[in-house]
Amino acid sequence: MPGIVFWALMVIAGQIGFFLAARIENEVWGPIALLVLPLLIFLAALLFFAHFFRYVDSDHETTTTPHSE
């Protein structure tokens, strides 16, 4: 996966986090959610995509083991 596509997906994940956090209208939890929720969704997406695309090489062929080059 090209790096620009990966980071575009990360930005979209962060924006989803901001959208969800903005829906919380509590005076105490609203500001906390605006700080924490986008970060948590960003990290979850980062871990998912890093694991999911771990074994895809430059030729877009899925391998079962990492390259030892």
Protein backbone atom coordinates (compact mmCIF):
# COMPACT_ATOMS: atom_id res chain seq x y z
CA MET A 1 0.00 0.00 0.00
CA PRO A 2 1.45 3.37 -0.89
CA GLY A 3 2.33 5.51 2.09
CA ILE A 4 0.05 8.36 1.02
CA VAL A 5 -2.97 6.03 1.02
CA PHE A 6 -2.04 4.74 4.47
CA TRP A 7 -1.79 8.25 5.96
CA ALA A 8 -4.98 9.34 4.20
CA LEU A 9 -6.78 6.51 5.96
CA MET A 10 -5.21 7.61 9.25
CA VAL A 11 -6.44 11.18 8.76
CA ILE A 12 -9.93 9.91 7.98
CA ALA A 13 -9.86 7.82 11.16
CA GLY A 14 -8.87 10.87 13.19
CA GLN A 15 -11.67 12.92 11.62
CA ILE A 16 -14.18 10.23 12.53
CA GLY A 17 -12.91 10.44 16.10
CA PHE A 18 -13.39 14.22 16.17
CA PHE A 19 -16.89 13.86 14.75
CA LEU A 20 -17.88 11.28 17.37
CA ALA A 21 -16.33 13.28 20.19
CA ALA A 22 -18.11 16.46 19.10
CA ARG A 23 -21.44 14.69 19.57
CA ILE A 24 -20.81 14.45 23.34
CA GLU A 25 -22.41 17.52 24.89
CA ASN A 26 -21.44 16.92 28.52
CA GLU A 27 -19.46 19.75 30.17
CA VAL A 28 -17.04 17.32 31.83
CA TRP A 29 -16.66 14.50 29.32
CA GLY A 30 -16.99 16.58 26.13
CA PRO A 31 -13.55 18.24 26.27
CA ILE A 32 -11.93 15.02 27.46
CA ALA A 33 -13.52 13.12 24.57
CA LEU A 34 -12.28 15.73 22.09
CA LEU A 35 -8.73 15.04 23.25
CA VAL A 36 -8.85 11.28 23.79
CA LEU A 37 -11.33 9.76 21.34
CA PRO A 38 -9.64 10.90 18.08
CA LEU A 39 -6.31 9.66 19.41
CA LEU A 40 -7.75 6.28 20.37
CA ILE A 41 -9.44 5.81 16.99
CA PHE A 42 -6.26 6.91 15.20
CA LEU A 43 -4.17 4.41 17.18
CA ALA A 44 -6.68 1.61 16.64
CA ALA A 45 -6.67 2.25 12.88
CA LEU A 46 -2.88 2.44 12.90
CA LEU A 47 -2.58 -0.93 14.62
CA PHE A 48 -5.20 -2.48 12.33
CA PHE A 49 -3.60 -1.31 9.09
CA ALA A 50 -0.07 -2.05 10.31
CA HIS A 51 -1.08 -5.61 11.14
CA PHE A 52 -3.29 -6.11 8.10
CA PHE A 53 -0.68 -4.94 5.59
CA ARG A 54 2.36 -6.33 7.39
CA TYR A 55 3.08 -9.08 4.88
CA VAL A 56 2.30 -7.26 1.63
CA ASP A 57 5.49 -6.74 -0.35
CA SER A 58 6.26 -4.19 -3.04
CA ASP A 59 4.77 -6.41 -5.77
CA HIS A 60 1.43 -6.52 -3.91
CA GLU A 61 1.76 -10.25 -3.34
CA THR A 62 0.76 -11.48 0.09
CA THR A 63 3.46 -13.49 1.82
CA THR A 64 3.26 -15.64 4.92
CA THR A 65 6.55 -14.55 6.43
CA PRO A 66 8.28 -11.19 6.60
CA HIS A 67 11.15 -10.52 4.24
CA SER A 68 14.60 -11.15 5.68
CA GLU A 69 16.44 -8.99 3.15
